Amino acid sequence: MDCSFIAKSGKKTFGLDQFYNGNHNRVEKGLFHFNASFTALNIAKLDAHRQQLSQKPFVFSMASVKRRALNDHLLDTFISRLGLSPTLIKSHPNYQNLRDYGVIAA
């Protein structure tokens, strides 16, 4: 399978273009990376689809998923390091705004 089309497409590829180097001996390792990347992308898309609460058309952005995961990690770090109550903080009305900080608006 020739995966050189990925590098030529000019789109963001979620790391899918990193394995291709033209060496036929490395195709198996490259295809594993290709399949693993698509699996991660599809799992993220499925998770985002399940979390959608509104009736708007479904819009997916991997950059938004990554940003929200970073925000969740950062907020959890602040909560634990400052000795705050996670239940109290996460139930605050503005907590969702902090989680969505920097997320691409659809």
PDB file of N, CA and C in Angstrom:
ATOM      1  N   MET A   1       0.845  -1.182   0.000  1.00  0.00           N
ATOM      2  CA  MET A   1       0.000   0.000   0.000  1.00  0.00           C
ATOM      3  C   MET A   1       0.882   1.234   0.000  1.00  0.00           C
ATOM      4  N   ASP A   2       0.618   2.133  -0.902  1.00  0.00           N
ATOM      5  CA  ASP A   2       1.387   3.368  -0.988  1.00  0.00           C
ATOM      6  C   ASP A   2       0.660   4.460  -0.222  1.00  0.00           C
ATOM      7  N   CYS A   3       1.247   4.903   0.855  1.00  0.00           N
ATOM      8  CA  CYS A   3       0.608   5.907   1.713  1.00  0.00           C
ATOM      9  C   CYS A   3       1.133   7.307   1.445  1.00  0.00           C
ATOM     10  N   SER A   4       1.804   7.501   0.323  1.00  0.00           N
ATOM     11  CA  SER A   4       2.366   8.815   0.051  1.00  0.00           C
ATOM     12  C   SER A   4       1.287   9.860  -0.203  1.00  0.00           C
ATOM     13  N   PHE A   5       0.059   9.417  -0.493  1.00  0.00           N
ATOM     14  CA  PHE A   5      -1.025  10.370  -0.722  1.00  0.00           C
ATOM     15  C   PHE A   5      -1.276  11.244   0.497  1.00  0.00           C
ATOM     16  N   ILE A   6      -0.961  10.744   1.687  1.00  0.00           N
ATOM     17  CA  ILE A   6      -1.230  11.495   2.912  1.00  0.00           C
ATOM     18  C   ILE A   6      -0.401  12.773   2.949  1.00  0.00           C
ATOM     19  N   ALA A   7       0.871  12.643   2.649  1.00  0.00           N
ATOM     20  CA  ALA A   7       1.742  13.819   2.683  1.00  0.00           C
ATOM     21  C   ALA A   7       1.366  14.810   1.591  1.00  0.00           C
ATOM     22  N   LYS A   8       0.778  14.335   0.497  1.00  0.00           N
ATOM     23  CA  LYS A   8       0.435  15.205  -0.620  1.00  0.00           C
ATOM     24  C   LYS A   8      -0.916  15.880  -0.454  1.00  0.00           C
ATOM     25  N   SER A   9      -1.713  15.418   0.481  1.00  0.00           N
ATOM     26  CA  SER A   9      -3.078  15.935   0.588  1.00  0.00           C
ATOM     27  C   SER A   9      -3.123  17.355   1.147  1.00  0.00           C
ATOM     28  N   GLY A  10      -2.122  17.739   1.922  1.00  0.00           N
ATOM     29  CA  GLY A  10      -2.073  19.080   2.480  1.00  0.00           C
ATOM     30  C   GLY A  10      -2.988  19.286   3.665  1.00  0.00           C
ATOM     31  N   LYS A  11      -3.557  18.221   4.203  1.00  0.00           N
ATOM     32  CA  LYS A  11      -4.447  18.331   5.348  1.00  0.00           C
ATOM     33  C   LYS A  11      -3.729  17.877   6.606  1.00  0.00           C
ATOM     34  N   LYS A  12      -4.274  18.259   7.747  1.00  0.00           N
ATOM     35  CA  LYS A  12      -3.732  17.750   9.003  1.00  0.00           C
ATOM     36  C   LYS A  12      -4.056  16.273   9.085  1.00  0.00           C
ATOM     37  N   THR A  13      -3.084  15.480   9.486  1.00  0.00           N
ATOM     38  CA  THR A  13      -3.254  14.029   9.395  1.00  0.00           C
ATOM     39  C   THR A  13      -3.155  13.328  10.730  1.00  0.00           C
ATOM     40  N   PHE A  14      -3.106  14.054  11.842  1.00  0.00           N
ATOM     41  CA  PHE A  14      -3.079  13.427  13.166  1.00  0.00           C
ATOM     42  C   PHE A  14      -1.919  12.439  13.279  1.00  0.00           C
ATOM     43  N   GLY A  15      -0.776  12.786  12.684  1.00  0.00           N
ATOM     44  CA  GLY A  15       0.405  11.938  12.781  1.00  0.00           C
ATOM     45  C   GLY A  15       0.449  10.806  11.785  1.00  0.00           C
ATOM     46  N   LEU A  16      -0.487  10.778  10.855  1.00  0.00           N
ATOM     47  CA  LEU A  16      -0.533   9.660   9.915  1.00  0.00           C
ATOM     48  C   LEU A  16       0.582   9.713   8.880  1.00  0.00           C
ATOM     49  N   ASP A  17       1.173  10.876   8.658  1.00  0.00           N
ATOM     50  CA  ASP A  17       2.216  10.980   7.649  1.00  0.00           C
ATOM     51  C   ASP A  17       3.612  10.739   8.207  1.00  0.00           C
ATOM     52  N   GLN A  18       3.753  10.475   9.483  1.00  0.00           N
ATOM     53  CA  GLN A  18       5.076  10.375  10.082  1.00  0.00           C
ATOM     54  C   GLN A  18       5.806   9.084   9.744  1.00  0.00           C
ATOM     55  N   PHE A  19       5.093   8.043   9.346  1.00  0.00           N
ATOM     56  CA  PHE A  19       5.752   6.772   9.122  1.00  0.00           C
ATOM     57  C   PHE A  19       6.276   6.622   7.715  1.00  0.00           C
ATOM     58  N   TYR A  20       5.741   7.316   6.740  1.00  0.00           N
ATOM     59  CA  TYR A  20       6.083   7.047   5.347  1.00  0.00           C
ATOM     60  C   TYR A  20       7.452   7.611   5.022  1.00  0.00           C
ATOM     61  N   ASN A  21       8.347   6.732   4.560  1.00  0.00           N
ATOM     62  CA  ASN A  21       9.667   7.190   4.148  1.00  0.00           C
ATOM     63  C   ASN A  21      10.103   6.564   2.830  1.00  0.00           C
ATOM     64  N   GLY A  22       9.238   5.813   2.180  1.00  0.00           N
ATOM     65  CA  GLY A  22       9.557   5.231   0.887  1.00  0.00           C
ATOM     66  C   GLY A  22      10.290   3.913   0.954  1.00  0.00           C
ATOM     67  N   ASN A  23      10.635   3.436   2.132  1.00  0.00           N
ATOM     68  CA  ASN A  23      11.363   2.183   2.279  1.00  0.00           C
ATOM     69  C   ASN A  23      10.362   1.040   2.387  1.00  0.00           C
ATOM     70  N   HIS A  24      10.426   0.100   1.433  1.00  0.00           N
ATOM     71  CA  HIS A  24       9.469  -1.008   1.384  1.00  0.00           C
ATOM     72  C   HIS A  24       9.588  -1.915   2.604  1.00  0.00           C
ATOM     73  N   ASN A  25      10.762  -2.019   3.214  1.00  0.00           N
ATOM     74  CA  ASN A  25      10.959  -2.898   4.364  1.00  0.00           C
ATOM     75  C   ASN A  25      10.240  -2.396   5.619  1.00  0.00           C
ATOM     76  N   ARG A  26       9.870  -1.165   5.647  1.00  0.00           N
ATOM     77  CA  ARG A  26       9.233  -0.600   6.836  1.00  0.00           C
ATOM     78  C   ARG A  26       7.719  -0.438   6.676  1.00  0.00           C
ATOM     79  N   VAL A  27       7.161  -1.068   5.669  1.00  0.00           N
ATOM     80  CA  VAL A  27       5.738  -0.902   5.410  1.00  0.00           C
ATOM     81  C   VAL A  27       4.893  -1.456   6.546  1.00  0.00           C
ATOM     82  N   GLU A  28       5.237  -2.629   7.085  1.00  0.00           N
ATOM     83  CA  GLU A  28       4.422  -3.229   8.143  1.00  0.00           C
ATOM     84  C   GLU A  28       4.353  -2.326   9.369  1.00  0.00           C
ATOM     85  N   LYS A  29       5.494  -1.799   9.792  1.00  0.00           N
ATOM     86  CA  LYS A  29       5.507  -0.896  10.942  1.00  0.00           C
ATOM     87  C   LYS A  29       4.693   0.357  10.633  1.00  0.00           C
ATOM     88  N   GLY A  30       4.812   0.839   9.412  1.00  0.00           N
ATOM     89  CA  GLY A  30       4.073   2.026   9.002  1.00  0.00           C
ATOM     90  C   GLY A  30       2.580   1.798   8.982  1.00  0.00           C
ATOM     91  N   LEU A  31       2.156   0.640   8.501  1.00  0.00           N
ATOM     92  CA  LEU A  31       0.726   0.349   8.459  1.00  0.00           C
ATOM     93  C   LEU A  31       0.154   0.190   9.859  1.00  0.00           C
ATOM     94  N   PHE A  32       0.951  -0.349  10.782  1.00  0.00           N
ATOM     95  CA  PHE A  32       0.487  -0.439  12.168  1.00  0.00           C
ATOM     96  C   PHE A  32       0.247   0.956  12.728  1.00  0.00           C
ATOM     97  N   HIS A  33       1.195   1.864  12.477  1.00  0.00           N
ATOM     98  CA  HIS A  33       1.056   3.239  12.956  1.00  0.00           C
ATOM     99  C   HIS A  33      -0.157   3.904  12.314  1.00  0.00           C
ATOM    100  N   PHE A  34      -0.347   3.650  11.030  1.00  0.00           N
ATOM    101  CA  PHE A  34      -1.485   4.190  10.293  1.00  0.00           C
ATOM    102  C   PHE A  34      -2.798   3.717  10.919  1.00  0.00           C
ATOM    103  N   ASN A  35      -2.910   2.419  11.168  1.00  0.00           N
ATOM    104  CA  ASN A  35      -4.129   1.855  11.760  1.00  0.00           C
ATOM    105  C   ASN A  35      -4.342   2.350  13.190  1.00  0.00           C
ATOM    106  N   ALA A  36      -3.269   2.454  13.964  1.00  0.00           N
ATOM    107  CA  ALA A  36      -3.384   2.939  15.339  1.00  0.00           C
ATOM    108  C   ALA A  36      -3.851   4.397  15.362  1.00  0.00           C
ATOM    109  N   SER A  37      -3.350   5.197  14.437  1.00  0.00           N
ATOM    110  CA  SER A  37      -3.758   6.602  14.375  1.00  0.00           C
ATOM    111  C   SER A  37      -5.229   6.735  14.010  1.00  0.00           C
ATOM    112  N   PHE A  38      -5.666   5.947  13.020  1.00  0.00           N
ATOM    113  CA  PHE A  38      -7.080   5.998  12.644  1.00  0.00           C
ATOM    114  C   PHE A  38      -7.977   5.486  13.760  1.00  0.00           C
ATOM    115  N   THR A  39      -7.520   4.485  14.490  1.00  0.00           N
ATOM    116  CA  THR A  39      -8.298   3.975  15.620  1.00  0.00           C
ATOM    117  C   THR A  39      -8.456   5.052  16.689  1.00  0.00           C
ATOM    118  N   ALA A  40      -7.367   5.737  17.024  1.00  0.00           N
ATOM    119  CA  ALA A  40      -7.430   6.814  18.021  1.00  0.00           C
ATOM    120  C   ALA A  40      -8.354   7.936  17.551  1.00  0.00           C
ATOM    121  N   LEU A  41      -8.274   8.266  16.277  1.00  0.00           N
ATOM    122  CA  LEU A  41      -9.126   9.312  15.722  1.00  0.00           C
ATOM    123  C   LEU A  41     -10.598   8.915  15.788  1.00  0.00           C
ATOM    124  N   ASN A  42     -10.905   7.676  15.434  1.00  0.00           N
ATOM    125  CA  ASN A  42     -12.296   7.217  15.460  1.00  0.00           C
ATOM    126  C   ASN A  42     -12.847   7.115  16.882  1.00  0.00           C
ATOM    127  N   ILE A  43     -12.012   6.706  17.833  1.00  0.00           N
ATOM    128  CA  ILE A  43     -12.454   6.658  19.232  1.00  0.00           C
ATOM    129  C   ILE A  43     -12.746   8.064  19.747  1.00  0.00           C
ATOM    130  N   ALA A  44     -11.881   9.019  19.404  1.00  0.00           N
ATOM    131  CA  ALA A  44     -12.110  10.406  19.819  1.00  0.00           C
ATOM    132  C   ALA A  44     -13.387  10.952  19.188  1.00  0.00           C
ATOM    133  N   LYS A  45     -13.625  10.615  17.927  1.00  0.00           N
ATOM    134  CA  LYS A  45     -14.834  11.081  17.248  1.00  0.00           C
ATOM    135  C   LYS A  45     -16.086  10.462  17.868  1.00  0.00           C
ATOM    136  N   LEU A  46     -16.026   9.182  18.198  1.00  0.00           N
ATOM    137  CA  LEU A  46     -17.159   8.507  18.837  1.00  0.00           C
ATOM    138  C   LEU A  46     -17.458   9.123  20.205  1.00  0.00           C
ATOM    139  N   ASP A  47     -16.405   9.397  20.973  1.00  0.00           N
ATOM    140  CA  ASP A  47     -16.577  10.004  22.291  1.00  0.00           C
ATOM    141  C   ASP A  47     -17.194  11.398  22.173  1.00  0.00           C
ATOM    142  N   ALA A  48     -16.726  12.188  21.210  1.00  0.00           N
ATOM    143  CA  ALA A  48     -17.277  13.532  21.010  1.00  0.00           C
ATOM    144  C   ALA A  48     -18.739  13.457  20.573  1.00  0.00           C
ATOM    145  N   HIS A  49     -19.058  12.474  19.748  1.00  0.00           N
ATOM    146  CA  HIS A  49     -20.439  12.318  19.284  1.00  0.00           C
ATOM    147  C   HIS A  49     -21.368  11.938  20.440  1.00  0.00           C
ATOM    148  N   ARG A  50     -20.886  11.095  21.332  1.00  0.00           N
ATOM    149  CA  ARG A  50     -21.692  10.686  22.486  1.00  0.00           C
ATOM    150  C   ARG A  50     -21.905  11.834  23.470  1.00  0.00           C
ATOM    151  N   GLN A  51     -20.947  12.754  23.542  1.00  0.00           N
ATOM    152  CA  GLN A  51     -21.048  13.867  24.489  1.00  0.00           C
ATOM    153  C   GLN A  51     -21.890  15.022  23.966  1.00  0.00           C
ATOM    154  N   GLN A  52     -22.219  14.994  22.685  1.00  0.00           N
ATOM    155  CA  GLN A  52     -23.001  16.083  22.109  1.00  0.00           C
ATOM    156  C   GLN A  52     -24.418  16.040  22.666  1.00  0.00           C
ATOM    157  N   LEU A  53     -24.835  17.138  23.260  1.00  0.00           N
ATOM    158  CA  LEU A  53     -26.147  17.210  23.896  1.00  0.00           C
ATOM    159  C   LEU A  53     -27.182  17.928  23.039  1.00  0.00           C
ATOM    160  N   SER A  54     -26.745  18.783  22.159  1.00  0.00           N
ATOM    161  CA  SER A  54     -27.680  19.598  21.387  1.00  0.00           C
ATOM    162  C   SER A  54     -28.124  18.873  20.115  1.00  0.00           C
ATOM    163  N   GLN A  55     -29.111  19.460  19.464  1.00  0.00           N
ATOM    164  CA  GLN A  55     -29.631  18.902  18.217  1.00  0.00           C
ATOM    165  C   GLN A  55     -28.941  19.503  16.995  1.00  0.00           C
ATOM    166  N   LYS A  56     -27.891  20.275  17.215  1.00  0.00           N
ATOM    167  CA  LYS A  56     -27.146  20.865  16.105  1.00  0.00           C
ATOM    168  C   LYS A  56     -26.456  19.762  15.313  1.00  0.00           C
ATOM    169  N   PRO A  57     -26.098  20.037  14.059  1.00  0.00           N
ATOM    170  CA  PRO A  57     -25.341  19.040  13.295  1.00  0.00           C
ATOM    171  C   PRO A  57     -24.002  18.750  13.978  1.00  0.00           C
ATOM    172  N   PHE A  58     -23.578  17.501  13.915  1.00  0.00           N
ATOM    173  CA  PHE A  58     -22.341  17.087  14.582  1.00  0.00           C
ATOM    174  C   PHE A  58     -21.131  17.650  13.846  1.00  0.00           C
ATOM    175  N   VAL A  59     -20.283  18.347  14.581  1.00  0.00           N
ATOM    176  CA  VAL A  59     -19.040  18.898  14.048  1.00  0.00           C
ATOM    177  C   VAL A  59     -17.912  18.372  14.914  1.00  0.00           C
ATOM    178  N   PHE A  60     -16.845  17.875  14.283  1.00  0.00           N
ATOM    179  CA  PHE A  60     -15.743  17.282  15.028  1.00  0.00           C
ATOM    180  C   PHE A  60     -14.446  17.998  14.702  1.00  0.00           C
ATOM    181  N   SER A  61     -13.670  18.273  15.739  1.00  0.00           N
ATOM    182  CA  SER A  61     -12.348  18.856  15.579  1.00  0.00           C
ATOM    183  C   SER A  61     -11.393  18.145  16.530  1.00  0.00           C
ATOM    184  N   MET A  62     -10.375  17.504  15.978  1.00  0.00           N
ATOM    185  CA  MET A  62      -9.397  16.821  16.817  1.00  0.00           C
ATOM    186  C   MET A  62      -8.637  17.828  17.675  1.00  0.00           C
ATOM    187  N   ALA A  63      -8.431  19.018  17.148  1.00  0.00           N
ATOM    188  CA  ALA A  63      -7.750  20.060  17.928  1.00  0.00           C
ATOM    189  C   ALA A  63      -8.565  20.417  19.172  1.00  0.00           C
ATOM    190  N   SER A  64      -9.885  20.441  19.036  1.00  0.00           N
ATOM    191  CA  SER A  64     -10.743  20.729  20.189  1.00  0.00           C
ATOM    192  C   SER A  64     -10.699  19.606  21.214  1.00  0.00           C
ATOM    193  N   VAL A  65     -10.660  18.368  20.743  1.00  0.00           N
ATOM    194  CA  VAL A  65     -10.573  17.225  21.656  1.00  0.00           C
ATOM    195  C   VAL A  65      -9.272  17.289  22.446  1.00  0.00           C
ATOM    196  N   LYS A  66      -8.181  17.584  21.747  1.00  0.00           N
ATOM    197  CA  LYS A  66      -6.881  17.675  22.417  1.00  0.00           C
ATOM    198  C   LYS A  66      -6.848  18.841  23.405  1.00  0.00           C
ATOM    199  N   ARG A  67      -7.421  19.976  23.015  1.00  0.00           N
ATOM    200  CA  ARG A  67      -7.441  21.153  23.892  1.00  0.00           C
ATOM    201  C   ARG A  67      -8.262  20.872  25.151  1.00  0.00           C
ATOM    202  N   ARG A  68      -9.430  20.218  24.982  1.00  0.00           N
ATOM    203  CA  ARG A  68     -10.278  19.919  26.133  1.00  0.00           C
ATOM    204  C   ARG A  68      -9.585  18.931  27.074  1.00  0.00           C
ATOM    205  N   ALA A  69      -8.878  17.954  26.518  1.00  0.00           N
ATOM    206  CA  ALA A  69      -8.144  16.996  27.357  1.00  0.00           C
ATOM    207  C   ALA A  69      -7.045  17.707  28.141  1.00  0.00           C
ATOM    208  N   LEU A  70      -6.349  18.633  27.496  1.00  0.00           N
ATOM    209  CA  LEU A  70      -5.318  19.409  28.184  1.00  0.00           C
ATOM    210  C   LEU A  70      -5.936  20.268  29.286  1.00  0.00           C
ATOM    211  N   ASN A  71      -7.058  20.913  28.983  1.00  0.00           N
ATOM    212  CA  ASN A  71      -7.733  21.736  29.991  1.00  0.00           C
ATOM    213  C   ASN A  71      -8.194  20.896  31.179  1.00  0.00           C
ATOM    214  N   ASP A  72      -8.746  19.701  30.905  1.00  0.00           N
ATOM    215  CA  ASP A  72      -9.171  18.810  31.993  1.00  0.00           C
ATOM    216  C   ASP A  72      -7.992  18.437  32.886  1.00  0.00           C
ATOM    217  N   HIS A  73      -6.884  18.095  32.251  1.00  0.00           N
ATOM    218  CA  HIS A  73      -5.692  17.718  33.016  1.00  0.00           C
ATOM    219  C   HIS A  73      -5.183  18.896  33.850  1.00  0.00           C
ATOM    220  N   LEU A  74      -5.146  20.061  33.244  1.00  0.00           N
ATOM    221  CA  LEU A  74      -4.660  21.251  33.941  1.00  0.00           C
ATOM    222  C   LEU A  74      -5.574  21.619  35.116  1.00  0.00           C
ATOM    223  N   LEU A  75      -6.879  21.569  34.900  1.00  0.00           N
ATOM    224  CA  LEU A  75      -7.818  21.875  35.987  1.00  0.00           C
ATOM    225  C   LEU A  75      -7.719  20.853  37.114  1.00  0.00           C
ATOM    226  N   ASP A  76      -7.588  19.569  36.768  1.00  0.00           N
ATOM    227  CA  ASP A  76      -7.424  18.539  37.801  1.00  0.00           C
ATOM    228  C   ASP A  76      -6.134  18.740  38.589  1.00  0.00           C
ATOM    229  N   THR A  77      -5.074  19.176  37.898  1.00  0.00           N
ATOM    230  CA  THR A  77      -3.806  19.451  38.576  1.00  0.00           C
ATOM    231  C   THR A  77      -3.958  20.621  39.549  1.00  0.00           C
ATOM    232  N   PHE A  78      -4.603  21.692  39.107  1.00  0.00           N
ATOM    233  CA  PHE A  78      -4.832  22.836  39.993  1.00  0.00           C
ATOM    234  C   PHE A  78      -5.661  22.435  41.208  1.00  0.00           C
ATOM    235  N   ILE A  79      -6.717  21.667  40.977  1.00  0.00           N
ATOM    236  CA  ILE A  79      -7.598  21.252  42.072  1.00  0.00           C
ATOM    237  C   ILE A  79      -6.830  20.432  43.103  1.00  0.00           C
ATOM    238  N   SER A  80      -6.017  19.485  42.629  1.00  0.00           N
ATOM    239  CA  SER A  80      -5.289  18.623  43.574  1.00  0.00           C
ATOM    240  C   SER A  80      -4.152  19.366  44.270  1.00  0.00           C
ATOM    241  N   ARG A  81      -3.411  20.198  43.541  1.00  0.00           N
ATOM    242  CA  ARG A  81      -2.283  20.915  44.145  1.00  0.00           C
ATOM    243  C   ARG A  81      -2.726  21.983  45.132  1.00  0.00           C
ATOM    244  N   LEU A  82      -3.886  22.575  44.883  1.00  0.00           N
ATOM    245  CA  LEU A  82      -4.379  23.619  45.779  1.00  0.00           C
ATOM    246  C   LEU A  82      -5.248  23.066  46.900  1.00  0.00           C
ATOM    247  N   GLY A  83      -5.467  21.758  46.888  1.00  0.00           N
ATOM    248  CA  GLY A  83      -6.246  21.123  47.945  1.00  0.00           C
ATOM    249  C   GLY A  83      -7.715  21.506  47.937  1.00  0.00           C
ATOM    250  N   LEU A  84      -8.261  21.737  46.753  1.00  0.00           N
ATOM    251  CA  LEU A  84      -9.660  22.135  46.635  1.00  0.00           C
ATOM    252  C   LEU A  84     -10.567  20.909  46.545  1.00  0.00           C
ATOM    253  N   SER A  85     -11.835  21.112  46.778  1.00  0.00           N
ATOM    254  CA  SER A  85     -12.818  20.036  46.684  1.00  0.00           C
ATOM    255  C   SER A  85     -13.218  19.845  45.217  1.00  0.00           C
ATOM    256  N   PRO A  86     -12.892  18.690  44.623  1.00  0.00           N
ATOM    257  CA  PRO A  86     -13.232  18.470  43.208  1.00  0.00           C
ATOM    258  C   PRO A  86     -14.732  18.561  42.934  1.00  0.00           C
ATOM    259  N   THR A  87     -15.549  18.056  43.842  1.00  0.00           N
ATOM    260  CA  THR A  87     -16.998  18.087  43.640  1.00  0.00           C
ATOM    261  C   THR A  87     -17.516  19.518  43.615  1.00  0.00           C
ATOM    262  N   LEU A  88     -17.017  20.328  44.519  1.00  0.00           N
ATOM    263  CA  LEU A  88     -17.452  21.720  44.595  1.00  0.00           C
ATOM    264  C   LEU A  88     -17.022  22.495  43.351  1.00  0.00           C
ATOM    265  N   ILE A  89     -15.787  22.308  42.934  1.00  0.00           N
ATOM    266  CA  ILE A  89     -15.261  23.034  41.774  1.00  0.00           C
ATOM    267  C   ILE A  89     -15.965  22.592  40.494  1.00  0.00           C
ATOM    268  N   LYS A  90     -16.104  21.282  40.301  1.00  0.00           N
ATOM    269  CA  LYS A  90     -16.676  20.769  39.049  1.00  0.00           C
ATOM    270  C   LYS A  90     -18.177  21.008  38.936  1.00  0.00           C
ATOM    271  N   SER A  91     -18.835  21.322  40.036  1.00  0.00           N
ATOM    272  CA  SER A  91     -20.266  21.632  39.975  1.00  0.00           C
ATOM    273  C   SER A  91     -20.525  23.126  39.777  1.00  0.00           C
ATOM    274  N   HIS A  92     -19.474  23.927  39.778  1.00  0.00           N
ATOM    275  CA  HIS A  92     -19.625  25.369  39.580  1.00  0.00           C
ATOM    276  C   HIS A  92     -20.103  25.635  38.150  1.00  0.00           C
ATOM    277  N   PRO A  93     -20.993  26.616  37.957  1.00  0.00           N
ATOM    278  CA  PRO A  93     -21.527  26.891  36.612  1.00  0.00           C
ATOM    279  C   PRO A  93     -20.467  27.280  35.576  1.00  0.00           C
ATOM    280  N   ASN A  94     -19.367  27.877  36.006  1.00  0.00           N
ATOM    281  CA  ASN A  94     -18.332  28.296  35.056  1.00  0.00           C
ATOM    282  C   ASN A  94     -17.284  27.228  34.771  1.00  0.00           C
ATOM    283  N   TYR A  95     -17.387  26.083  35.411  1.00  0.00           N
ATOM    284  CA  TYR A  95     -16.396  25.020  35.189  1.00  0.00           C
ATOM    285  C   TYR A  95     -16.377  24.581  33.723  1.00  0.00           C
ATOM    286  N   GLN A  96     -17.546  24.463  33.114  1.00  0.00           N
ATOM    287  CA  GLN A  96     -17.612  24.050  31.707  1.00  0.00           C
ATOM    288  C   GLN A  96     -16.952  25.088  30.804  1.00  0.00           C
ATOM    289  N   ASN A  97     -17.064  26.366  31.150  1.00  0.00           N
ATOM    290  CA  ASN A  97     -16.398  27.411  30.368  1.00  0.00           C
ATOM    291  C   ASN A  97     -14.883  27.259  30.438  1.00  0.00           C
ATOM    292  N   LEU A  98     -14.365  26.882  31.605  1.00  0.00           N
ATOM    293  CA  LEU A  98     -12.925  26.654  31.737  1.00  0.00           C
ATOM    294  C   LEU A  98     -12.486  25.434  30.936  1.00  0.00           C
ATOM    295  N   ARG A  99     -13.295  24.382  30.925  1.00  0.00           N
ATOM    296  CA  ARG A  99     -12.980  23.180  30.137  1.00  0.00           C
ATOM    297  C   ARG A  99     -12.929  23.494  28.646  1.00  0.00           C
ATOM    298  N   ASP A 100     -13.802  24.410  28.206  1.00  0.00           N
ATOM    299  CA  ASP A 100     -13.899  24.729  26.782  1.00  0.00           C
ATOM    300  C   ASP A 100     -13.008  25.891  26.359  1.00  0.00           C
ATOM    301  N   TYR A 101     -12.156  26.382  27.262  1.00  0.00           N
ATOM    302  CA  TYR A 101     -11.281  27.505  26.930  1.00  0.00           C
ATOM    303  C   TYR A 101     -10.347  27.124  25.780  1.00  0.00           C
ATOM    304  N   GLY A 102     -10.371  27.881  24.716  1.00  0.00           N
ATOM    305  CA  GLY A 102      -9.503  27.644  23.572  1.00  0.00           C
ATOM    306  C   GLY A 102     -10.026  26.621  22.585  1.00  0.00           C
ATOM    307  N   VAL A 103     -11.199  26.064  22.837  1.00  0.00           N
ATOM    308  CA  VAL A 103     -11.788  25.075  21.935  1.00  0.00           C
ATOM    309  C   VAL A 103     -12.377  25.798  20.732  1.00  0.00           C
ATOM    310  N   ILE A 104     -12.255  25.192  19.579  1.00  0.00           N
ATOM    311  CA  ILE A 104     -12.788  25.779  18.353  1.00  0.00           C
ATOM    312  C   ILE A 104     -14.312  25.775  18.426  1.00  0.00           C
ATOM    313  N   ALA A 105     -14.907  26.934  18.254  1.00  0.00           N
ATOM    314  CA  ALA A 105     -16.372  27.037  18.307  1.00  0.00           C
ATOM    315  C   ALA A 105     -16.960  26.534  16.999  1.00  0.00           C
ATOM    316  N   ALA A 106     -17.938  25.648  17.114  1.00  0.00           N
ATOM    317  CA  ALA A 106     -18.559  25.091  15.906  1.00  0.00           C
ATOM    318  C   ALA A 106     -19.764  25.906  15.510  1.00  0.00           C
TER     319      ALA A 106
END
